[in-house]
Amino acid sequence: MENETRKKLNGQASIIYGLAFIGALIYFIQHATTFLGGLLGVLKAIVWPAILIYKLLEFLKM
């Protein structure tokens, strides 16, 4: 039973992360003015969760 619950939660987290990735990708690409800016936007869309957590912990001084 526990294994099924874990799989369900993993699937939900993957869907949320996937939608957030697509949203971030669209946002960063729309605001890019050059090809290099668009490429950097793709990289930012991939790593934005790590940056968000880092900034949150920095804000909370943990």
N, C-alpha and C. Protein backbone atom coordinates (compact mmCIF):
# COMPACT_ATOMS: atom_id res chain seq x y z
N MET A 1 0.82 -1.19 0.00
CA MET A 1 0.00 0.00 0.00
C MET A 1 0.87 1.26 0.00
N GLU A 2 1.93 1.25 0.78
CA GLU A 2 2.81 2.41 0.88
C GLU A 2 3.49 2.70 -0.46
N ASN A 3 3.87 1.67 -1.18
CA ASN A 3 4.53 1.82 -2.47
C ASN A 3 3.61 2.50 -3.48
N GLU A 4 2.33 2.13 -3.47
CA GLU A 4 1.35 2.74 -4.38
C GLU A 4 1.17 4.22 -4.07
N THR A 5 1.13 4.58 -2.80
CA THR A 5 0.98 5.98 -2.40
C THR A 5 2.20 6.78 -2.83
N ARG A 6 3.37 6.21 -2.68
CA ARG A 6 4.61 6.89 -3.06
C ARG A 6 4.63 7.15 -4.57
N LYS A 7 4.21 6.17 -5.36
CA LYS A 7 4.17 6.32 -6.81
C LYS A 7 3.19 7.42 -7.21
N LYS A 8 2.05 7.47 -6.54
CA LYS A 8 1.03 8.48 -6.85
C LYS A 8 1.57 9.88 -6.54
N LEU A 9 2.22 10.05 -5.41
CA LEU A 9 2.77 11.36 -5.05
C LEU A 9 3.89 11.75 -6.00
N ASN A 10 4.71 10.79 -6.41
CA ASN A 10 5.78 11.07 -7.37
C ASN A 10 5.21 11.52 -8.70
N GLY A 11 4.14 10.88 -9.13
CA GLY A 11 3.51 11.26 -10.39
C GLY A 11 2.93 12.66 -10.34
N GLN A 12 2.32 13.02 -9.22
CA GLN A 12 1.75 14.35 -9.07
C GLN A 12 2.85 15.40 -9.05
N ALA A 13 3.94 15.13 -8.37
CA ALA A 13 5.05 16.08 -8.31
C ALA A 13 5.67 16.25 -9.69
N SER A 14 5.75 15.18 -10.45
CA SER A 14 6.31 15.26 -11.80
C SER A 14 5.44 16.12 -12.71
N ILE A 15 4.14 15.98 -12.58
CA ILE A 15 3.22 16.78 -13.40
C ILE A 15 3.36 18.26 -13.04
N ILE A 16 3.41 18.56 -11.76
CA ILE A 16 3.54 19.96 -11.33
C ILE A 16 4.86 20.54 -11.81
N TYR A 17 5.95 19.79 -11.64
CA TYR A 17 7.25 20.28 -12.10
C TYR A 17 7.25 20.46 -13.62
N GLY A 18 6.64 19.52 -14.34
CA GLY A 18 6.60 19.61 -15.80
C GLY A 18 5.84 20.84 -16.27
N LEU A 19 4.70 21.12 -15.66
CA LEU A 19 3.94 22.31 -16.03
C LEU A 19 4.70 23.60 -15.67
N ALA A 20 5.34 23.60 -14.52
CA ALA A 20 6.12 24.77 -14.13
C ALA A 20 7.31 24.96 -15.07
N PHE A 21 7.93 23.88 -15.50
CA PHE A 21 9.05 23.96 -16.45
C PHE A 21 8.58 24.56 -17.77
N ILE A 22 7.45 24.09 -18.27
CA ILE A 22 6.93 24.61 -19.54
C ILE A 22 6.60 26.10 -19.40
N GLY A 23 5.98 26.47 -18.29
CA GLY A 23 5.66 27.88 -18.06
C GLY A 23 6.90 28.74 -17.99
N ALA A 24 7.92 28.27 -17.27
CA ALA A 24 9.17 29.02 -17.17
C ALA A 24 9.86 29.10 -18.52
N LEU A 25 9.83 28.03 -19.27
CA LEU A 25 10.45 28.01 -20.59
C LEU A 25 9.79 29.03 -21.52
N ILE A 26 8.47 29.06 -21.53
CA ILE A 26 7.76 30.04 -22.35
C ILE A 26 8.08 31.46 -21.90
N TYR A 27 8.08 31.68 -20.59
CA TYR A 27 8.36 33.02 -20.06
C TYR A 27 9.76 33.49 -20.48
N PHE A 28 10.76 32.67 -20.24
CA PHE A 28 12.14 33.08 -20.54
C PHE A 28 12.38 33.26 -22.03
N ILE A 29 11.79 32.41 -22.85
CA ILE A 29 11.98 32.54 -24.30
C ILE A 29 11.27 33.78 -24.84
N GLN A 30 10.09 34.08 -24.31
CA GLN A 30 9.37 35.28 -24.76
C GLN A 30 10.14 36.56 -24.45
N HIS A 31 10.87 36.56 -23.36
CA HIS A 31 11.59 37.76 -22.96
C HIS A 31 13.02 37.83 -23.51
N ALA A 32 13.41 36.83 -24.26
CA ALA A 32 14.75 36.82 -24.85
C ALA A 32 14.76 37.71 -26.10
N THR A 33 15.83 38.47 -26.25
CA THR A 33 15.95 39.35 -27.42
C THR A 33 16.95 38.80 -28.43
N THR A 34 17.77 37.85 -28.03
CA THR A 34 18.75 37.25 -28.93
C THR A 34 18.68 35.73 -28.82
N PHE A 35 19.34 35.06 -29.75
CA PHE A 35 19.40 33.61 -29.70
C PHE A 35 20.09 33.14 -28.43
N LEU A 36 21.17 33.81 -28.06
CA LEU A 36 21.90 33.46 -26.84
C LEU A 36 21.01 33.66 -25.61
N GLY A 37 20.22 34.71 -25.62
CA GLY A 37 19.28 34.93 -24.53
C GLY A 37 18.25 33.83 -24.44
N GLY A 38 17.78 33.33 -25.59
CA GLY A 38 16.85 32.22 -25.61
C GLY A 38 17.48 30.94 -25.09
N LEU A 39 18.72 30.71 -25.47
CA LEU A 39 19.43 29.53 -24.99
C LEU A 39 19.64 29.60 -23.48
N LEU A 40 19.98 30.77 -22.99
CA LEU A 40 20.13 30.97 -21.55
C LEU A 40 18.79 30.77 -20.85
N GLY A 41 17.70 31.19 -21.50
CA GLY A 41 16.37 30.99 -20.95
C GLY A 41 16.02 29.52 -20.78
N VAL A 42 16.42 28.69 -21.73
CA VAL A 42 16.19 27.25 -21.62
C VAL A 42 16.95 26.70 -20.42
N LEU A 43 18.18 27.11 -20.25
CA LEU A 43 18.98 26.65 -19.10
C LEU A 43 18.37 27.13 -17.79
N LYS A 44 17.90 28.38 -17.76
CA LYS A 44 17.25 28.90 -16.55
C LYS A 44 15.99 28.12 -16.22
N ALA A 45 15.23 27.75 -17.24
CA ALA A 45 14.00 26.99 -17.02
C ALA A 45 14.30 25.62 -16.41
N ILE A 46 15.44 25.07 -16.74
CA ILE A 46 15.81 23.76 -16.20
C ILE A 46 16.20 23.86 -14.73
N VAL A 47 16.92 24.90 -14.35
CA VAL A 47 17.48 24.97 -12.99
C VAL A 47 16.73 25.92 -12.06
N TRP A 48 15.62 26.50 -12.48
CA TRP A 48 14.95 27.48 -11.64
C TRP A 48 14.51 26.93 -10.27
N PRO A 49 14.12 25.65 -10.12
CA PRO A 49 13.74 25.19 -8.78
C PRO A 49 14.90 25.25 -7.79
N ALA A 50 16.09 24.92 -8.23
CA ALA A 50 17.25 24.97 -7.35
C ALA A 50 17.55 26.41 -6.94
N ILE A 51 17.44 27.33 -7.87
CA ILE A 51 17.67 28.74 -7.56
C ILE A 51 16.61 29.25 -6.59
N LEU A 52 15.36 28.86 -6.80
CA LEU A 52 14.27 29.27 -5.92
C LEU A 52 14.50 28.81 -4.49
N ILE A 53 14.87 27.55 -4.31
CA ILE A 53 15.12 27.03 -2.96
C ILE A 53 16.32 27.73 -2.33
N TYR A 54 17.37 27.96 -3.11
CA TYR A 54 18.55 28.66 -2.59
C TYR A 54 18.18 30.05 -2.09
N LYS A 55 17.42 30.79 -2.90
CA LYS A 55 17.03 32.16 -2.51
C LYS A 55 16.10 32.14 -1.30
N LEU A 56 15.21 31.14 -1.23
CA LEU A 56 14.32 31.02 -0.08
C LEU A 56 15.10 30.77 1.20
N LEU A 57 16.05 29.83 1.15
CA LEU A 57 16.85 29.54 2.34
C LEU A 57 17.74 30.73 2.70
N GLU A 58 18.24 31.44 1.70
CA GLU A 58 19.04 32.63 1.96
C GLU A 58 18.18 33.70 2.64
N PHE A 59 16.94 33.85 2.21
CA PHE A 59 16.03 34.80 2.80
C PHE A 59 15.70 34.44 4.25
N LEU A 60 15.52 33.13 4.50
CA LEU A 60 15.20 32.67 5.84
C LEU A 60 16.42 32.54 6.73
N LYS A 61 17.61 32.72 6.15
CA LYS A 61 18.89 32.64 6.87
C LYS A 61 19.08 31.28 7.53
N MET A 62 18.84 30.22 6.77
CA MET A 62 19.00 28.87 7.31
C MET A 62 20.32 28.31 6.90
